[in-house]
Amino acid sequence: MERISYSLGSLLSIDEVLACAKKLEQIKPDVMWIPETWGMENFSMMATASRENNFSKIGSSIINIYSRSPNLIAMGASTVDAISNGRLILGLGTSSVPIVEDFHGQEFQFPVQRMREYVEIIRLALQNQKINYSGKIFSLKDFTLLTKPLRKEIPIYLAAINKKMVELTWEIGDGIIFYLRPKEEMKKTISVMQETRKIDTTLQIITCIDNDYEKASKRAKQTLSFYIAVGEIYREFLHSSGYSKETEIIFNEYKKTGLKNLHEFVTEKMLDDLCIAGTPDMGLKKLNAFREIGIDLPIIQFNPIGDTRESFELLTKTFSGETNE
């Protein structure tokens, strides 16, 4: 059976996340991913949601490596892994300059080297070793986790956009989390990199399903235009990957009028290349197009339309064949 996973959007309430997690207990997808932006804290939400879904792996998508020390992430990972009975996938990323510098007051420096050291330190901590570490960024002395981790090895997946982070991920990661990449570029990258070393390839896909195509399309375009407007790293990558004109138009319009009606400037080609939007029948076909380029594990990013629970029912029925219960 083909693997599938779901990401429970960062705009959901706590009760909505838990209700969706309970629904996923029935469906049993490979992974249930919990995002973190600047709302709910990730480790506490993963631990709580894991009690509503006793089957799926529990993934963080993603924890940024500037807002917590590497040993604090190891502590959180060990805790959630124990609570979930060994089901954690630790998803790490660098986030973005506005979040790191404006929201957390840290300097966005040396992201690739920082990621390398985080992964090294976290793995040492999970092995319950005494850490005396001297890196280019971190110098740590005599740290050992007070509680013994349930597992000495927790899978670490890295969110990667630019070439150096992609290469680091294939060097040290157990899996990669792609986001907002054109299909042809992704197909080429996966084909080349998997020849160096096989890892799990995942892609988080902005997904909007509704029986009314226009509603689904508008909702997906709103989310996509938001990321292009405020996410410099995504905008620059798409600009250099075949969408220079589109990204310039969207960003210029954002600077003039803000987010209102920004979705109107997302083209159908861009929407189809980067997202899944449409009716249930269309959704399955679009998902298969992403599988065909080499994605091992699609991550369906839930973007509700109308009532959250009804929207999630339709989403899961579309991709997992689940009926109302």
C-alpha atoms as a PDB file:
ATOM      1  CA  MET A   1       0.000   0.000   0.000  1.00  0.00           C
ATOM      2  CA  GLU A   2       1.276   3.453  -0.913  1.00  0.00           C
ATOM      3  CA  ARG A   3       2.319   5.617   2.013  1.00  0.00           C
ATOM      4  CA  ILE A   4       0.416   8.758   2.946  1.00  0.00           C
ATOM      5  CA  SER A   5       0.713  11.288   5.755  1.00  0.00           C
ATOM      6  CA  TYR A   6      -1.143  14.368   6.947  1.00  0.00           C
ATOM      7  CA  SER A   7       0.001  17.700   8.381  1.00  0.00           C
ATOM      8  CA  LEU A   8      -2.471  19.433  10.679  1.00  0.00           C
ATOM      9  CA  GLY A   9      -2.329  23.107   9.758  1.00  0.00           C
ATOM     10  CA  SER A  10      -0.906  25.726  12.107  1.00  0.00           C
ATOM     11  CA  LEU A  11      -4.136  27.787  12.032  1.00  0.00           C
ATOM     12  CA  LEU A  12      -6.209  25.025  13.625  1.00  0.00           C
ATOM     13  CA  SER A  13      -7.266  25.361  17.251  1.00  0.00           C
ATOM     14  CA  ILE A  14      -6.006  22.883  19.841  1.00  0.00           C
ATOM     15  CA  ASP A  15      -9.399  21.155  19.884  1.00  0.00           C
ATOM     16  CA  GLU A  16      -9.398  20.925  16.082  1.00  0.00           C
ATOM     17  CA  VAL A  17      -5.904  19.415  16.026  1.00  0.00           C
ATOM     18  CA  LEU A  18      -6.952  16.805  18.574  1.00  0.00           C
ATOM     19  CA  ALA A  19     -10.162  16.006  16.694  1.00  0.00           C
ATOM     20  CA  CYS A  20      -8.178  15.552  13.475  1.00  0.00           C
ATOM     21  CA  ALA A  21      -5.633  13.385  15.301  1.00  0.00           C
ATOM     22  CA  LYS A  22      -8.465  11.195  16.579  1.00  0.00           C
ATOM     23  CA  LYS A  23      -9.792  10.871  13.027  1.00  0.00           C
ATOM     24  CA  LEU A  24      -6.338   9.808  11.851  1.00  0.00           C
ATOM     25  CA  GLU A  25      -6.382   7.066  14.481  1.00  0.00           C
ATOM     26  CA  GLN A  26      -9.144   5.454  12.378  1.00  0.00           C
ATOM     27  CA  ILE A  27      -7.375   5.982   9.057  1.00  0.00           C
ATOM     28  CA  LYS A  28      -3.881   4.970  10.193  1.00  0.00           C
ATOM     29  CA  PRO A  29      -1.672   7.024   7.861  1.00  0.00           C
ATOM     30  CA  ASP A  30       2.078   6.498   8.002  1.00  0.00           C
ATOM     31  CA  VAL A  31       2.777   9.788   9.804  1.00  0.00           C
ATOM     32  CA  MET A  32       0.780  12.525  11.506  1.00  0.00           C
ATOM     33  CA  TRP A  33       2.754  15.763  11.245  1.00  0.00           C
ATOM     34  CA  ILE A  34       2.320  18.680  13.658  1.00  0.00           C
ATOM     35  CA  PRO A  35       3.596  22.067  12.433  1.00  0.00           C
ATOM     36  CA  GLU A  36       5.105  24.890  14.450  1.00  0.00           C
ATOM     37  CA  THR A  37       5.093  28.530  13.376  1.00  0.00           C
ATOM     38  CA  TRP A  38       4.402  31.129  16.062  1.00  0.00           C
ATOM     39  CA  GLY A  39       1.280  29.625  17.580  1.00  0.00           C
ATOM     40  CA  MET A  40       1.111  26.320  19.405  1.00  0.00           C
ATOM     41  CA  GLU A  41       4.346  24.899  20.806  1.00  0.00           C
ATOM     42  CA  ASN A  42       5.377  21.787  18.949  1.00  0.00           C
ATOM     43  CA  PHE A  43       6.555  19.265  21.526  1.00  0.00           C
ATOM     44  CA  SER A  44       3.545  19.712  23.796  1.00  0.00           C
ATOM     45  CA  MET A  45       1.154  19.443  20.833  1.00  0.00           C
ATOM     46  CA  MET A  46       2.878  16.324  19.484  1.00  0.00           C
ATOM     47  CA  ALA A  47       2.718  14.678  22.906  1.00  0.00           C
ATOM     48  CA  THR A  48      -0.957  15.533  23.322  1.00  0.00           C
ATOM     49  CA  ALA A  49      -1.924  14.545  19.777  1.00  0.00           C
ATOM     50  CA  SER A  50      -0.050  11.248  20.094  1.00  0.00           C
ATOM     51  CA  ARG A  51      -2.551  10.210  22.781  1.00  0.00           C
ATOM     52  CA  GLU A  52      -5.410  10.628  20.262  1.00  0.00           C
ATOM     53  CA  ASN A  53      -3.647   8.589  17.568  1.00  0.00           C
ATOM     54  CA  ASN A  54      -1.923   5.460  18.804  1.00  0.00           C
ATOM     55  CA  PHE A  55      -0.862   4.171  15.386  1.00  0.00           C
ATOM     56  CA  SER A  56       0.839   6.777  13.220  1.00  0.00           C
ATOM     57  CA  LYS A  57       4.359   8.040  13.635  1.00  0.00           C
ATOM     58  CA  ILE A  58       4.376  11.577  15.035  1.00  0.00           C
ATOM     59  CA  GLY A  59       6.413  14.114  13.054  1.00  0.00           C
ATOM     60  CA  SER A  60       7.446  17.703  13.713  1.00  0.00           C
ATOM     61  CA  SER A  61       7.190  19.784  10.569  1.00  0.00           C
ATOM     62  CA  ILE A  62       9.206  21.664  11.462  1.00  0.00           C
ATOM     63  CA  ILE A  63      11.048  22.713  14.610  1.00  0.00           C
ATOM     64  CA  ASN A  64      13.429  25.555  13.832  1.00  0.00           C
ATOM     65  CA  ILE A  65      16.982  25.303  15.095  1.00  0.00           C
ATOM     66  CA  TYR A  66      17.344  28.908  16.233  1.00  0.00           C
ATOM     67  CA  SER A  67      14.616  29.080  18.880  1.00  0.00           C
ATOM     68  CA  ARG A  68      15.873  26.178  21.042  1.00  0.00           C
ATOM     69  CA  SER A  69      19.328  24.896  21.951  1.00  0.00           C
ATOM     70  CA  PRO A  70      20.318  21.499  20.511  1.00  0.00           C
ATOM     71  CA  ASN A  71      20.157  19.861  23.939  1.00  0.00           C
ATOM     72  CA  LEU A  72      16.702  21.321  24.603  1.00  0.00           C
ATOM     73  CA  ILE A  73      15.520  19.826  21.303  1.00  0.00           C
ATOM     74  CA  ALA A  74      17.045  16.494  22.365  1.00  0.00           C
ATOM     75  CA  MET A  75      15.168  16.733  25.666  1.00  0.00           C
ATOM     76  CA  GLY A  76      11.893  17.454  23.873  1.00  0.00           C
ATOM     77  CA  ALA A  77      12.462  14.700  21.327  1.00  0.00           C
ATOM     78  CA  SER A  78      13.287  12.133  24.002  1.00  0.00           C
ATOM     79  CA  THR A  79      10.212  13.124  25.997  1.00  0.00           C
ATOM     80  CA  VAL A  80       7.762  12.939  23.087  1.00  0.00           C
ATOM     81  CA  ASP A  81       9.321   9.698  21.851  1.00  0.00           C
ATOM     82  CA  ALA A  82       8.730   8.132  25.277  1.00  0.00           C
ATOM     83  CA  ILE A  83       5.167   9.447  25.513  1.00  0.00           C
ATOM     84  CA  SER A  84       4.345   8.161  22.009  1.00  0.00           C
ATOM     85  CA  ASN A  85       6.029   4.797  22.616  1.00  0.00           C
ATOM     86  CA  GLY A  86       8.808   5.288  20.079  1.00  0.00           C
ATOM     87  CA  ARG A  87       6.907   6.926  17.238  1.00  0.00           C
ATOM     88  CA  LEU A  88       8.639  10.294  16.846  1.00  0.00           C
ATOM     89  CA  ILE A  89      10.152  11.632  13.627  1.00  0.00           C
ATOM     90  CA  LEU A  90      12.135  14.763  14.436  1.00  0.00           C
ATOM     91  CA  GLY A  91      11.746  17.276  11.619  1.00  0.00           C
ATOM     92  CA  LEU A  92      14.219  20.167  11.798  1.00  0.00           C
ATOM     93  CA  GLY A  93      14.603  23.298   9.701  1.00  0.00           C
ATOM     94  CA  THR A  94      16.193  26.730   9.734  1.00  0.00           C
ATOM     95  CA  SER A  95      12.904  28.635   9.382  1.00  0.00           C
ATOM     96  CA  SER A  96      13.322  32.159   7.978  1.00  0.00           C
ATOM     97  CA  VAL A  97      14.989  35.474   8.754  1.00  0.00           C
ATOM     98  CA  PRO A  98      11.801  37.264   9.951  1.00  0.00           C
ATOM     99  CA  ILE A  99      10.872  34.451  12.339  1.00  0.00           C
ATOM    100  CA  VAL A 100      14.395  33.919  13.663  1.00  0.00           C
ATOM    101  CA  GLU A 101      15.455  37.555  13.953  1.00  0.00           C
ATOM    102  CA  ASP A 102      12.216  39.501  14.466  1.00  0.00           C
ATOM    103  CA  PHE A 103      10.248  36.942  16.488  1.00  0.00           C
ATOM    104  CA  HIS A 104      13.052  35.197  18.421  1.00  0.00           C
ATOM    105  CA  GLY A 105      15.752  37.866  18.512  1.00  0.00           C
ATOM    106  CA  GLN A 106      18.465  35.559  17.187  1.00  0.00           C
ATOM    107  CA  GLU A 107      20.905  36.202  14.332  1.00  0.00           C
ATOM    108  CA  PHE A 108      20.227  34.123  11.234  1.00  0.00           C
ATOM    109  CA  GLN A 109      23.818  33.043  10.672  1.00  0.00           C
ATOM    110  CA  PHE A 110      25.575  29.953   9.294  1.00  0.00           C
ATOM    111  CA  PRO A 111      22.404  27.875   8.754  1.00  0.00           C
ATOM    112  CA  VAL A 112      24.131  24.880   7.158  1.00  0.00           C
ATOM    113  CA  GLN A 113      26.895  24.615   9.762  1.00  0.00           C
ATOM    114  CA  ARG A 114      24.361  25.200  12.530  1.00  0.00           C
ATOM    115  CA  MET A 115      22.184  22.374  11.217  1.00  0.00           C
ATOM    116  CA  ARG A 116      25.159  20.029  11.059  1.00  0.00           C
ATOM    117  CA  GLU A 117      26.084  20.734  14.676  1.00  0.00           C
ATOM    118  CA  TYR A 118      22.485  20.449  15.892  1.00  0.00           C
ATOM    119  CA  VAL A 119      22.103  17.014  14.348  1.00  0.00           C
ATOM    120  CA  GLU A 120      25.454  15.849  15.757  1.00  0.00           C
ATOM    121  CA  ILE A 121      24.647  17.092  19.270  1.00  0.00           C
ATOM    122  CA  ILE A 122      21.080  15.773  19.308  1.00  0.00           C
ATOM    123  CA  ARG A 123      22.259  12.325  18.245  1.00  0.00           C
ATOM    124  CA  LEU A 124      24.946  12.283  20.941  1.00  0.00           C
ATOM    125  CA  ALA A 125      22.391  13.275  23.558  1.00  0.00           C
ATOM    126  CA  LEU A 126      19.934  10.578  22.489  1.00  0.00           C
ATOM    127  CA  GLN A 127      22.684   7.989  22.817  1.00  0.00           C
ATOM    128  CA  ASN A 128      22.874   9.060  26.478  1.00  0.00           C
ATOM    129  CA  GLN A 129      26.521   9.954  26.152  1.00  0.00           C
ATOM    130  CA  LYS A 130      28.225  12.670  28.164  1.00  0.00           C
ATOM    131  CA  ILE A 131      28.610  15.514  25.709  1.00  0.00           C
ATOM    132  CA  ASN A 132      31.837  17.463  25.540  1.00  0.00           C
ATOM    133  CA  TYR A 133      31.461  19.122  22.199  1.00  0.00           C
ATOM    134  CA  SER A 134      33.601  21.665  20.412  1.00  0.00           C
ATOM    135  CA  GLY A 135      32.241  22.933  17.095  1.00  0.00           C
ATOM    136  CA  LYS A 136      32.417  26.115  15.079  1.00  0.00           C
ATOM    137  CA  ILE A 137      29.206  27.354  16.728  1.00  0.00           C
ATOM    138  CA  PHE A 138      28.668  25.311  19.907  1.00  0.00           C
ATOM    139  CA  SER A 139      31.021  24.510  22.760  1.00  0.00           C
ATOM    140  CA  LEU A 140      29.306  22.261  25.307  1.00  0.00           C
ATOM    141  CA  LYS A 141      30.600  20.633  28.473  1.00  0.00           C
ATOM    142  CA  ASP A 142      29.464  17.665  30.563  1.00  0.00           C
ATOM    143  CA  PHE A 143      25.850  17.403  29.387  1.00  0.00           C
ATOM    144  CA  THR A 144      23.979  14.121  29.745  1.00  0.00           C
ATOM    145  CA  LEU A 145      20.229  13.591  29.548  1.00  0.00           C
ATOM    146  CA  LEU A 146      18.968  12.938  33.057  1.00  0.00           C
ATOM    147  CA  THR A 147      16.359  10.456  31.803  1.00  0.00           C
ATOM    148  CA  LYS A 148      17.366   7.606  29.538  1.00  0.00           C
ATOM    149  CA  PRO A 149      15.848   7.926  26.038  1.00  0.00           C
ATOM    150  CA  LEU A 150      13.490   5.177  24.907  1.00  0.00           C
ATOM    151  CA  ARG A 151      15.401   4.925  21.626  1.00  0.00           C
ATOM    152  CA  LYS A 152      19.038   5.731  20.985  1.00  0.00           C
ATOM    153  CA  GLU A 153      18.222   6.646  17.403  1.00  0.00           C
ATOM    154  CA  ILE A 154      15.248   8.812  16.456  1.00  0.00           C
ATOM    155  CA  PRO A 155      14.836   9.496  12.720  1.00  0.00           C
ATOM    156  CA  ILE A 156      15.812  13.062  11.830  1.00  0.00           C
ATOM    157  CA  TYR A 157      14.333  14.633   8.710  1.00  0.00           C
ATOM    158  CA  LEU A 158      15.614  17.997   7.484  1.00  0.00           C
ATOM    159  CA  ALA A 159      13.640  20.670   5.682  1.00  0.00           C
ATOM    160  CA  ALA A 160      15.806  21.788   2.782  1.00  0.00           C
ATOM    161  CA  ILE A 161      15.429  24.364   0.041  1.00  0.00           C
ATOM    162  CA  ASN A 162      18.755  25.554  -1.284  1.00  0.00           C
ATOM    163  CA  LYS A 163      21.497  23.349  -2.724  1.00  0.00           C
ATOM    164  CA  LYS A 164      23.848  23.304   0.277  1.00  0.00           C
ATOM    165  CA  MET A 165      21.095  22.282   2.695  1.00  0.00           C
ATOM    166  CA  VAL A 166      19.860  19.622   0.268  1.00  0.00           C
ATOM    167  CA  GLU A 167      23.379  18.200   0.060  1.00  0.00           C
ATOM    168  CA  LEU A 168      23.753  18.258   3.852  1.00  0.00           C
ATOM    169  CA  THR A 169      20.423  16.465   4.220  1.00  0.00           C
ATOM    170  CA  TRP A 170      21.528  13.633   1.955  1.00  0.00           C
ATOM    171  CA  GLU A 171      24.799  13.467   3.898  1.00  0.00           C
ATOM    172  CA  ILE A 172      23.437  13.312   7.460  1.00  0.00           C
ATOM    173  CA  GLY A 173      19.623  13.089   7.398  1.00  0.00           C
ATOM    174  CA  ASP A 174      17.273  10.122   7.546  1.00  0.00           C
ATOM    175  CA  GLY A 175      14.814  11.943   5.327  1.00  0.00           C
ATOM    176  CA  ILE A 176      14.151  15.228   3.587  1.00  0.00           C
ATOM    177  CA  ILE A 177      11.093  17.478   3.822  1.00  0.00           C
ATOM    178  CA  PHE A 178      10.549  19.412   0.602  1.00  0.00           C
ATOM    179  CA  TYR A 179       8.109  22.316   0.291  1.00  0.00           C
ATOM    180  CA  LEU A 180       7.035  24.529  -2.634  1.00  0.00           C
ATOM    181  CA  ARG A 181       9.282  23.110  -5.337  1.00  0.00           C
ATOM    182  CA  PRO A 182       8.406  22.791  -9.039  1.00  0.00           C
ATOM    183  CA  LYS A 183       7.907  19.167 -10.043  1.00  0.00           C
ATOM    184  CA  GLU A 184      10.594  19.024 -12.717  1.00  0.00           C
ATOM    185  CA  GLU A 185      13.210  20.612 -10.462  1.00  0.00           C
ATOM    186  CA  MET A 186      12.312  18.212  -7.659  1.00  0.00           C
ATOM    187  CA  LYS A 187      12.411  15.192  -9.970  1.00  0.00           C
ATOM    188  CA  LYS A 188      15.915  16.114 -11.125  1.00  0.00           C
ATOM    189  CA  THR A 189      17.163  16.807  -7.589  1.00  0.00           C
ATOM    190  CA  ILE A 190      15.807  13.531  -6.208  1.00  0.00           C
ATOM    191  CA  SER A 191      17.195  11.504  -9.107  1.00  0.00           C
ATOM    192  CA  VAL A 192      20.693  12.942  -8.699  1.00  0.00           C
ATOM    193  CA  MET A 193      20.812  12.894  -4.899  1.00  0.00           C
ATOM    194  CA  GLN A 194      19.365   9.402  -4.400  1.00  0.00           C
ATOM    195  CA  GLU A 195      22.333   8.054  -6.369  1.00  0.00           C
ATOM    196  CA  THR A 196      24.629   9.283  -3.601  1.00  0.00           C
ATOM    197  CA  ARG A 197      22.623   7.773  -0.736  1.00  0.00           C
ATOM    198  CA  LYS A 198      19.047   6.596  -0.297  1.00  0.00           C
ATOM    199  CA  ILE A 199      16.937   8.559   2.164  1.00  0.00           C
ATOM    200  CA  ASP A 200      13.196   9.002   2.670  1.00  0.00           C
ATOM    201  CA  THR A 201      11.877  11.733   0.387  1.00  0.00           C
ATOM    202  CA  THR A 202       8.854  13.601   1.691  1.00  0.00           C
ATOM    203  CA  LEU A 203       7.013  16.606   0.297  1.00  0.00           C
ATOM    204  CA  GLN A 204       4.592  18.769   2.230  1.00  0.00           C
ATOM    205  CA  ILE A 205       1.899  19.801  -0.245  1.00  0.00           C
ATOM    206  CA  ILE A 206      -0.544  22.673   0.229  1.00  0.00           C
ATOM    207  CA  THR A 207      -3.802  20.744  -0.245  1.00  0.00           C
ATOM    208  CA  CYS A 208      -7.357  22.049  -0.593  1.00  0.00           C
ATOM    209  CA  ILE A 209     -10.202  19.691  -1.454  1.00  0.00           C
ATOM    210  CA  ASP A 210     -13.813  20.711  -1.967  1.00  0.00           C
ATOM    211  CA  ASN A 211     -16.666  19.573  -4.178  1.00  0.00           C
ATOM    212  CA  ASP A 212     -16.617  23.122  -5.562  1.00  0.00           C
ATOM    213  CA  TYR A 213     -13.411  23.554  -7.584  1.00  0.00           C
ATOM    214  CA  GLU A 214     -13.435  27.346  -7.338  1.00  0.00           C
ATOM    215  CA  LYS A 215     -13.536  27.251  -3.534  1.00  0.00           C
ATOM    216  CA  ALA A 216     -10.645  24.768  -3.387  1.00  0.00           C
ATOM    217  CA  SER A 217      -8.608  26.719  -5.925  1.00  0.00           C
ATOM    218  CA  LYS A 218      -9.103  30.045  -4.142  1.00  0.00           C
ATOM    219  CA  ARG A 219      -8.165  28.584  -0.751  1.00  0.00           C
ATOM    220  CA  ALA A 220      -4.954  27.032  -2.098  1.00  0.00           C
ATOM    221  CA  LYS A 221      -4.009  30.216  -3.948  1.00  0.00           C
ATOM    222  CA  GLN A 222      -4.462  32.213  -0.744  1.00  0.00           C
ATOM    223  CA  THR A 223      -2.025  29.963   1.123  1.00  0.00           C
ATOM    224  CA  LEU A 224       0.473  29.851  -1.747  1.00  0.00           C
ATOM    225  CA  SER A 225       0.417  33.626  -2.287  1.00  0.00           C
ATOM    226  CA  PHE A 226       0.981  34.148   1.451  1.00  0.00           C
ATOM    227  CA  TYR A 227       4.163  32.049   1.413  1.00  0.00           C
ATOM    228  CA  ILE A 228       5.457  33.786  -1.706  1.00  0.00           C
ATOM    229  CA  ALA A 229       4.729  37.226  -0.240  1.00  0.00           C
ATOM    230  CA  VAL A 230       6.230  36.798   3.227  1.00  0.00           C
ATOM    231  CA  GLY A 231       8.644  33.887   2.706  1.00  0.00           C
ATOM    232  CA  GLU A 232      11.729  35.361   1.096  1.00  0.00           C
ATOM    233  CA  ILE A 233      13.544  32.042   0.849  1.00  0.00           C
ATOM    234  CA  TYR A 234      10.609  30.391  -0.980  1.00  0.00           C
ATOM    235  CA  ARG A 235      10.128  33.415  -3.202  1.00  0.00           C
ATOM    236  CA  GLU A 236      13.780  33.518  -4.200  1.00  0.00           C
ATOM    237  CA  PHE A 237      13.904  29.797  -4.880  1.00  0.00           C
ATOM    238  CA  LEU A 238      10.779  29.888  -7.067  1.00  0.00           C
ATOM    239  CA  HIS A 239      12.106  32.990  -8.807  1.00  0.00           C
ATOM    240  CA  SER A 240      15.233  31.062  -9.813  1.00  0.00           C
ATOM    241  CA  SER A 241      13.287  27.885 -10.667  1.00  0.00           C
ATOM    242  CA  GLY A 242      11.061  29.030 -13.499  1.00  0.00           C
ATOM    243  CA  TYR A 243       8.665  31.439 -11.819  1.00  0.00           C
ATOM    244  CA  SER A 244      10.527  34.762 -11.925  1.00  0.00           C
ATOM    245  CA  LYS A 245       7.694  36.733 -13.537  1.00  0.00           C
ATOM    246  CA  GLU A 246       4.979  35.253 -11.305  1.00  0.00           C
ATOM    247  CA  THR A 247       6.866  35.822  -8.057  1.00  0.00           C
ATOM    248  CA  GLU A 248       7.742  39.400  -9.000  1.00  0.00           C
ATOM    249  CA  ILE A 249       4.101  40.206  -9.768  1.00  0.00           C
ATOM    250  CA  ILE A 250       2.872  38.662  -6.504  1.00  0.00           C
ATOM    251  CA  PHE A 251       5.527  40.350  -4.370  1.00  0.00           C
ATOM    252  CA  ASN A 252       5.060  43.766  -5.993  1.00  0.00           C
ATOM    253  CA  GLU A 253       1.317  43.542  -5.480  1.00  0.00           C
ATOM    254  CA  TYR A 254       1.872  42.504  -1.859  1.00  0.00           C
ATOM    255  CA  LYS A 255       4.006  45.600  -1.255  1.00  0.00           C
ATOM    256  CA  LYS A 256       1.253  47.778  -2.737  1.00  0.00           C
ATOM    257  CA  THR A 257      -1.907  46.326  -1.240  1.00  0.00           C
ATOM    258  CA  GLY A 258      -0.977  43.594   1.254  1.00  0.00           C
ATOM    259  CA  LEU A 259      -2.464  40.108   1.335  1.00  0.00           C
ATOM    260  CA  LYS A 260      -6.011  41.066   0.349  1.00  0.00           C
ATOM    261  CA  ASN A 261      -6.895  39.582  -3.049  1.00  0.00           C
ATOM    262  CA  LEU A 262      -3.263  38.534  -3.538  1.00  0.00           C
ATOM    263  CA  HIS A 263      -4.436  35.054  -4.541  1.00  0.00           C
ATOM    264  CA  GLU A 264      -5.781  36.493  -7.795  1.00  0.00           C
ATOM    265  CA  PHE A 265      -2.217  36.811  -9.079  1.00  0.00           C
ATOM    266  CA  VAL A 266      -1.377  33.089  -8.671  1.00  0.00           C
ATOM    267  CA  THR A 267      -1.527  31.418 -12.081  1.00  0.00           C
ATOM    268  CA  GLU A 268      -3.205  28.078 -12.722  1.00  0.00           C
ATOM    269  CA  LYS A 269       0.125  26.677 -13.914  1.00  0.00           C
ATOM    270  CA  MET A 270       1.818  27.662 -10.672  1.00  0.00           C
ATOM    271  CA  LEU A 271      -1.044  26.261  -8.602  1.00  0.00           C
ATOM    272  CA  ASP A 272      -0.987  22.928 -10.430  1.00  0.00           C
ATOM    273  CA  ASP A 273       2.796  22.625 -10.216  1.00  0.00           C
ATOM    274  CA  LEU A 274       3.081  23.347  -6.496  1.00  0.00           C
ATOM    275  CA  CYS A 275      -0.206  22.404  -4.819  1.00  0.00           C
ATOM    276  CA  ILE A 276      -3.135  19.997  -4.788  1.00  0.00           C
ATOM    277  CA  ALA A 277      -6.392  21.900  -5.263  1.00  0.00           C
ATOM    278  CA  GLY A 278      -9.753  20.786  -6.589  1.00  0.00           C
ATOM    279  CA  THR A 279     -12.449  18.174  -6.289  1.00  0.00           C
ATOM    280  CA  PRO A 280     -11.761  14.730  -4.775  1.00  0.00           C
ATOM    281  CA  ASP A 281     -11.270  13.125  -8.211  1.00  0.00           C
ATOM    282  CA  MET A 282      -8.830  15.856  -9.198  1.00  0.00           C
ATOM    283  CA  GLY A 283      -7.011  15.557  -5.886  1.00  0.00           C
ATOM    284  CA  LEU A 284      -6.082  11.910  -6.404  1.00  0.00           C
ATOM    285  CA  LYS A 285      -4.738  12.571  -9.893  1.00  0.00           C
ATOM    286  CA  LYS A 286      -2.686  15.498  -8.651  1.00  0.00           C
ATOM    287  CA  LEU A 287      -1.290  13.427  -5.783  1.00  0.00           C
ATOM    288  CA  ASN A 288      -0.176  10.701  -8.182  1.00  0.00           C
ATOM    289  CA  ALA A 289       1.695  13.309 -10.227  1.00  0.00           C
ATOM    290  CA  PHE A 290       3.814  14.098  -7.159  1.00  0.00           C
ATOM    291  CA  ARG A 291       4.435  10.411  -6.432  1.00  0.00           C
ATOM    292  CA  GLU A 292       5.667   9.875  -9.980  1.00  0.00           C
ATOM    293  CA  ILE A 293       8.557  12.325  -9.593  1.00  0.00           C
ATOM    294  CA  GLY A 294      10.071  10.293  -6.747  1.00  0.00           C
ATOM    295  CA  ILE A 295       8.268  11.371  -3.575  1.00  0.00           C
ATOM    296  CA  ASP A 296       8.220   8.436  -1.148  1.00  0.00           C
ATOM    297  CA  LEU A 297       5.893  10.006   1.374  1.00  0.00           C
ATOM    298  CA  PRO A 298       3.482  12.806   0.422  1.00  0.00           C
ATOM    299  CA  ILE A 299       2.511  15.070   3.333  1.00  0.00           C
ATOM    300  CA  ILE A 300      -1.022  16.354   2.815  1.00  0.00           C
ATOM    301  CA  GLN A 301      -1.076  19.837   4.373  1.00  0.00           C
ATOM    302  CA  PHE A 302      -4.633  20.395   5.548  1.00  0.00           C
ATOM    303  CA  ASN A 303      -6.124  23.766   4.587  1.00  0.00           C
ATOM    304  CA  PRO A 304      -9.750  23.731   5.745  1.00  0.00           C
ATOM    305  CA  ILE A 305     -12.583  25.106   3.639  1.00  0.00           C
ATOM    306  CA  GLY A 306     -15.703  25.998   5.630  1.00  0.00           C
ATOM    307  CA  ASP A 307     -16.354  23.764   8.624  1.00  0.00           C
ATOM    308  CA  THR A 308     -13.021  22.298   9.743  1.00  0.00           C
ATOM    309  CA  ARG A 309     -14.257  18.818  10.662  1.00  0.00           C
ATOM    310  CA  GLU A 310     -16.372  18.416   7.526  1.00  0.00           C
ATOM    311  CA  SER A 311     -13.465  19.624   5.421  1.00  0.00           C
ATOM    312  CA  PHE A 312     -11.118  17.131   7.080  1.00  0.00           C
ATOM    313  CA  GLU A 313     -13.630  14.330   6.489  1.00  0.00           C
ATOM    314  CA  LEU A 314     -13.641  15.091   2.773  1.00  0.00           C
ATOM    315  CA  LEU A 315      -9.856  15.383   2.686  1.00  0.00           C
ATOM    316  CA  THR A 316      -9.234  12.038   4.373  1.00  0.00           C
ATOM    317  CA  LYS A 317     -11.970  10.332   2.370  1.00  0.00           C
ATOM    318  CA  THR A 318     -10.274  11.593  -0.801  1.00  0.00           C
ATOM    319  CA  PHE A 319      -6.777  10.331  -0.025  1.00  0.00           C
ATOM    320  CA  SER A 320      -7.415   7.447   2.384  1.00  0.00           C
ATOM    321  CA  GLY A 321     -10.815   6.159   1.258  1.00  0.00           C
ATOM    322  CA  GLU A 322     -12.312   6.849   4.649  1.00  0.00           C
ATOM    323  CA  THR A 323     -16.056   7.173   5.054  1.00  0.00           C
ATOM    324  CA  ASN A 324     -17.908   9.076   7.734  1.00  0.00           C
ATOM    325  CA  GLU A 325     -18.145   7.308  11.071  1.00  0.00           C
END
